[in-house]
PDB file of N, CA and C in Angstrom:
ATOM      1  N   MET A   1      95.690  18.665 132.590  1.00  0.00           N
ATOM      2  CA  MET A   1      96.834  19.327 132.013  1.00  0.00           C
ATOM      3  C   MET A   1      97.812  18.264 131.534  1.00  0.00           C
ATOM      4  N   LYS A   2      98.349  18.479 130.362  1.00  0.00           N
ATOM      5  CA  LYS A   2      99.326  17.561 129.780  1.00  0.00           C
ATOM      6  C   LYS A   2     100.723  18.028 130.161  1.00  0.00           C
ATOM      7  N   LEU A   3     101.536  17.105 130.653  1.00  0.00           N
ATOM      8  CA  LEU A   3     102.909  17.401 131.031  1.00  0.00           C
ATOM      9  C   LEU A   3     103.804  16.375 130.353  1.00  0.00           C
ATOM     10  N   THR A   4     104.774  16.842 129.574  1.00  0.00           N
ATOM     11  CA  THR A   4     105.672  15.956 128.838  1.00  0.00           C
ATOM     12  C   THR A   4     107.101  16.242 129.254  1.00  0.00           C
ATOM     13  N   ILE A   5     107.846  15.181 129.549  1.00  0.00           N
ATOM     14  CA  ILE A   5     109.256  15.305 129.891  1.00  0.00           C
ATOM     15  C   ILE A   5     110.056  14.544 128.852  1.00  0.00           C
ATOM     16  N   GLU A   6     111.042  15.219 128.270  1.00  0.00           N
ATOM     17  CA  GLU A   6     111.918  14.575 127.304  1.00  0.00           C
ATOM     18  C   GLU A   6     113.334  14.642 127.856  1.00  0.00           C
ATOM     19  N   GLY A   7     114.029  13.522 127.809  1.00  0.00           N
ATOM     20  CA  GLY A   7     115.405  13.521 128.290  1.00  0.00           C
ATOM     21  C   GLY A   7     115.963  12.117 128.335  1.00  0.00           C
ATOM     22  N   PRO A   8     117.208  12.012 128.762  1.00  0.00           N
ATOM     23  CA  PRO A   8     117.837  10.701 128.890  1.00  0.00           C
ATOM     24  C   PRO A   8     117.073   9.840 129.891  1.00  0.00           C
ATOM     25  N   ASN A   9     117.130   8.542 129.714  1.00  0.00           N
ATOM     26  CA  ASN A   9     116.435   7.625 130.615  1.00  0.00           C
ATOM     27  C   ASN A   9     116.962   7.795 132.040  1.00  0.00           C
ATOM     28  N   ASN A  10     116.061   8.058 132.959  1.00  0.00           N
ATOM     29  CA  ASN A  10     116.427   8.234 134.360  1.00  0.00           C
ATOM     30  C   ASN A  10     115.296   7.665 135.212  1.00  0.00           C
ATOM     31  N   HIS A  11     115.332   6.368 135.428  1.00  0.00           N
ATOM     32  CA  HIS A  11     114.257   5.664 136.127  1.00  0.00           C
ATOM     33  C   HIS A  11     114.030   6.218 137.527  1.00  0.00           C
ATOM     34  N   ASP A  12     115.089   6.489 138.262  1.00  0.00           N
ATOM     35  CA  ASP A  12     114.944   6.968 139.639  1.00  0.00           C
ATOM     36  C   ASP A  12     114.239   8.319 139.686  1.00  0.00           C
ATOM     37  N   PHE A  13     114.581   9.201 138.759  1.00  0.00           N
ATOM     38  CA  PHE A  13     113.952  10.513 138.708  1.00  0.00           C
ATOM     39  C   PHE A  13     112.464  10.374 138.404  1.00  0.00           C
ATOM     40  N   LEU A  14     112.135   9.555 137.414  1.00  0.00           N
ATOM     41  CA  LEU A  14     110.728   9.357 137.061  1.00  0.00           C
ATOM     42  C   LEU A  14     109.954   8.707 138.200  1.00  0.00           C
ATOM     43  N   GLN A  15     110.577   7.770 138.892  1.00  0.00           N
ATOM     44  CA  GLN A  15     109.911   7.116 140.020  1.00  0.00           C
ATOM     45  C   GLN A  15     109.634   8.132 141.121  1.00  0.00           C
ATOM     46  N   SER A  16     110.535   9.073 141.325  1.00  0.00           N
ATOM     47  CA  SER A  16     110.320  10.124 142.319  1.00  0.00           C
ATOM     48  C   SER A  16     109.099  10.962 141.958  1.00  0.00           C
ATOM     49  N   ILE A  17     108.940  11.272 140.674  1.00  0.00           N
ATOM     50  CA  ILE A  17     107.772  12.030 140.220  1.00  0.00           C
ATOM     51  C   ILE A  17     106.501  11.224 140.467  1.00  0.00           C
ATOM     52  N   ILE A  18     106.529   9.956 140.101  1.00  0.00           N
ATOM     53  CA  ILE A  18     105.363   9.092 140.282  1.00  0.00           C
ATOM     54  C   ILE A  18     104.987   9.000 141.755  1.00  0.00           C
ATOM     55  N   ASN A  19     105.989   8.976 142.623  1.00  0.00           N
ATOM     56  CA  ASN A  19     105.748   8.874 144.071  1.00  0.00           C
ATOM     57  C   ASN A  19     105.295  10.202 144.679  1.00  0.00           C
ATOM     58  N   GLY A  20     105.255  11.258 143.871  1.00  0.00           N
ATOM     59  CA  GLY A  20     104.796  12.549 144.358  1.00  0.00           C
ATOM     60  C   GLY A  20     105.859  13.320 145.125  1.00  0.00           C
ATOM     61  N   GLU A  21     107.105  12.929 144.966  1.00  0.00           N
ATOM     62  CA  GLU A  21     108.188  13.619 145.658  1.00  0.00           C
ATOM     63  C   GLU A  21     108.552  14.897 144.897  1.00  0.00           C
ATOM     64  N   TYR A  22     109.088  15.857 145.614  1.00  0.00           N
ATOM     65  CA  TYR A  22     109.579  17.076 144.967  1.00  0.00           C
ATOM     66  C   TYR A  22     110.860  16.747 144.214  1.00  0.00           C
ATOM     67  N   VAL A  23     110.951  17.237 142.992  1.00  0.00           N
ATOM     68  CA  VAL A  23     112.134  16.987 142.167  1.00  0.00           C
ATOM     69  C   VAL A  23     112.570  18.302 141.512  1.00  0.00           C
ATOM     70  N   SER A  24     113.787  18.309 141.016  1.00  0.00           N
ATOM     71  CA  SER A  24     114.311  19.461 140.294  1.00  0.00           C
ATOM     72  C   SER A  24     114.927  18.971 138.988  1.00  0.00           C
ATOM     73  N   LEU A  25     114.634  19.668 137.901  1.00  0.00           N
ATOM     74  CA  LEU A  25     115.223  19.285 136.626  1.00  0.00           C
ATOM     75  C   LEU A  25     116.734  19.504 136.622  1.00  0.00           C
ATOM     76  N   LYS A  26     117.233  20.261 137.578  1.00  0.00           N
ATOM     77  CA  LYS A  26     118.684  20.431 137.708  1.00  0.00           C
ATOM     78  C   LYS A  26     119.353  19.087 138.006  1.00  0.00           C
ATOM     79  N   ASP A  27     118.582  18.164 138.601  1.00  0.00           N
ATOM     80  CA  ASP A  27     119.104  16.836 138.923  1.00  0.00           C
ATOM     81  C   ASP A  27     119.042  15.884 137.730  1.00  0.00           C
ATOM     82  N   TRP A  28     118.523  16.361 136.603  1.00  0.00           N
ATOM     83  CA  TRP A  28     118.376  15.522 135.405  1.00  0.00           C
ATOM     84  C   TRP A  28     118.906  16.292 134.202  1.00  0.00           C
ATOM     85  N   PRO A  29     120.222  16.319 134.019  1.00  0.00           N
ATOM     86  CA  PRO A  29     120.821  17.064 132.905  1.00  0.00           C
ATOM     87  C   PRO A  29     120.272  16.589 131.550  1.00  0.00           C
ATOM     88  N   GLY A  30     119.969  17.538 130.702  1.00  0.00           N
ATOM     89  CA  GLY A  30     119.476  17.221 129.372  1.00  0.00           C
ATOM     90  C   GLY A  30     117.965  17.071 129.279  1.00  0.00           C
ATOM     91  N   ALA A  31     117.278  17.159 130.410  1.00  0.00           N
ATOM     92  CA  ALA A  31     115.820  17.001 130.409  1.00  0.00           C
ATOM     93  C   ALA A  31     115.141  18.307 130.021  1.00  0.00           C
ATOM     94  N   LYS A  32     114.008  18.170 129.338  1.00  0.00           N
ATOM     95  CA  LYS A  32     113.185  19.316 128.958  1.00  0.00           C
ATOM     96  C   LYS A  32     111.768  19.037 129.429  1.00  0.00           C
ATOM     97  N   LEU A  33     111.111  20.056 129.934  1.00  0.00           N
ATOM     98  CA  LEU A  33     109.754  19.942 130.446  1.00  0.00           C
ATOM     99  C   LEU A  33     108.827  20.774 129.575  1.00  0.00           C
ATOM    100  N   PHE A  34     107.737  20.157 129.110  1.00  0.00           N
ATOM    101  CA  PHE A  34     106.772  20.831 128.249  1.00  0.00           C
ATOM    102  C   PHE A  34     105.390  20.745 128.888  1.00  0.00           C
ATOM    103  N   VAL A  35     104.646  21.844 128.838  1.00  0.00           N
ATOM    104  CA  VAL A  35     103.307  21.908 129.414  1.00  0.00           C
ATOM    105  C   VAL A  35     102.302  22.154 128.298  1.00  0.00           C
ATOM    106  N   GLY A  36     101.175  21.453 128.366  1.00  0.00           N
ATOM    107  CA  GLY A  36     100.121  21.624 127.371  1.00  0.00           C
ATOM    108  C   GLY A  36     100.574  21.133 126.002  1.00  0.00           C
ATOM    109  N   SER A  37     100.305  21.926 124.973  1.00  0.00           N
ATOM    110  CA  SER A  37     100.631  21.525 123.602  1.00  0.00           C
ATOM    111  C   SER A  37     102.036  21.970 123.197  1.00  0.00           C
ATOM    112  N   ALA A  38     102.820  22.464 124.131  1.00  0.00           N
ATOM    113  CA  ALA A  38     104.162  22.965 123.808  1.00  0.00           C
ATOM    114  C   ALA A  38     105.049  21.875 123.207  1.00  0.00           C
ATOM    115  N   TYR A  39     104.912  20.626 123.654  1.00  0.00           N
ATOM    116  CA  TYR A  39     105.745  19.544 123.128  1.00  0.00           C
ATOM    117  C   TYR A  39     105.425  19.285 121.658  1.00  0.00           C
ATOM    118  N   ASP A  40     104.142  19.304 121.317  1.00  0.00           N
ATOM    119  CA  ASP A  40     103.745  19.100 119.921  1.00  0.00           C
ATOM    120  C   ASP A  40     104.324  20.208 119.039  1.00  0.00           C
ATOM    121  N   LYS A  41     104.286  21.439 119.519  1.00  0.00           N
ATOM    122  CA  LYS A  41     104.849  22.562 118.770  1.00  0.00           C
ATOM    123  C   LYS A  41     106.364  22.420 118.653  1.00  0.00           C
ATOM    124  N   TYR A  42     107.007  21.963 119.718  1.00  0.00           N
ATOM    125  CA  TYR A  42     108.453  21.724 119.708  1.00  0.00           C
ATOM    126  C   TYR A  42     108.823  20.689 118.640  1.00  0.00           C
ATOM    127  N   LEU A  43     108.051  19.603 118.569  1.00  0.00           N
ATOM    128  CA  LEU A  43     108.315  18.563 117.566  1.00  0.00           C
ATOM    129  C   LEU A  43     108.119  19.099 116.147  1.00  0.00           C
ATOM    130  N   GLU A  44     107.089  19.925 115.956  1.00  0.00           N
ATOM    131  CA  GLU A  44     106.857  20.525 114.633  1.00  0.00           C
ATOM    132  C   GLU A  44     108.037  21.405 114.228  1.00  0.00           C
ATOM    133  N   MET A  45     108.523  22.219 115.150  1.00  0.00           N
ATOM    134  CA  MET A  45     109.659  23.102 114.847  1.00  0.00           C
ATOM    135  C   MET A  45     110.915  22.284 114.591  1.00  0.00           C
ATOM    136  N   LYS A  46     111.114  21.236 115.368  1.00  0.00           N
ATOM    137  CA  LYS A  46     112.299  20.376 115.205  1.00  0.00           C
ATOM    138  C   LYS A  46     112.264  19.697 113.836  1.00  0.00           C
ATOM    139  N   LYS A  47     111.067  19.236 113.447  1.00  0.00           N
ATOM    140  CA  LYS A  47     110.893  18.572 112.155  1.00  0.00           C
ATOM    141  C   LYS A  47     111.155  19.560 111.014  1.00  0.00           C
ATOM    142  N   ALA A  48     110.647  20.777 111.160  1.00  0.00           N
ATOM    143  CA  ALA A  48     110.811  21.788 110.115  1.00  0.00           C
ATOM    144  C   ALA A  48     112.280  22.181 109.954  1.00  0.00           C
ATOM    145  N   THR A  49     112.998  22.310 111.048  1.00  0.00           N
ATOM    146  CA  THR A  49     114.405  22.689 110.946  1.00  0.00           C
ATOM    147  C   THR A  49     115.260  21.539 110.427  1.00  0.00           C
ATOM    148  N   SER A  50     114.869  20.300 110.731  1.00  0.00           N
ATOM    149  CA  SER A  50     115.651  19.167 110.215  1.00  0.00           C
ATOM    150  C   SER A  50     115.436  19.003 108.711  1.00  0.00           C
ATOM    151  N   LYS A  51     114.281  19.366 108.194  1.00  0.00           N
ATOM    152  CA  LYS A  51     114.044  19.324 106.749  1.00  0.00           C
ATOM    153  C   LYS A  51     114.918  20.345 106.036  1.00  0.00           C
ATOM    154  N   GLY A  52     115.163  21.471 106.695  1.00  0.00           N
ATOM    155  CA  GLY A  52     116.023  22.499 106.110  1.00  0.00           C
ATOM    156  C   GLY A  52     117.478  22.084 106.060  1.00  0.00           C
ATOM    157  N   ASP A  53     117.875  21.099 106.864  1.00  0.00           N
ATOM    158  CA  ASP A  53     119.241  20.609 106.894  1.00  0.00           C
ATOM    159  C   ASP A  53     119.537  19.599 105.795  1.00  0.00           C
ATOM    160  N   ASP A  54     118.477  19.118 105.127  1.00  0.00           N
ATOM    161  CA  ASP A  54     118.666  18.068 104.096  1.00  0.00           C
ATOM    162  C   ASP A  54     119.356  18.600 102.868  1.00  0.00           C
TER     163      ASP A  54
END
């Protein structure tokens, strides 16, 4: 399963994930979690809406 996290740089939070600790996205303001191909679809939608702003 593909898991993508987008957000501000937070080394301690990422290290907690790597260490297998329980974490909450509430502790990482501005973070977004994507599962499977959802991140790719998010980028496509973001790209399409930014083209409309030109």
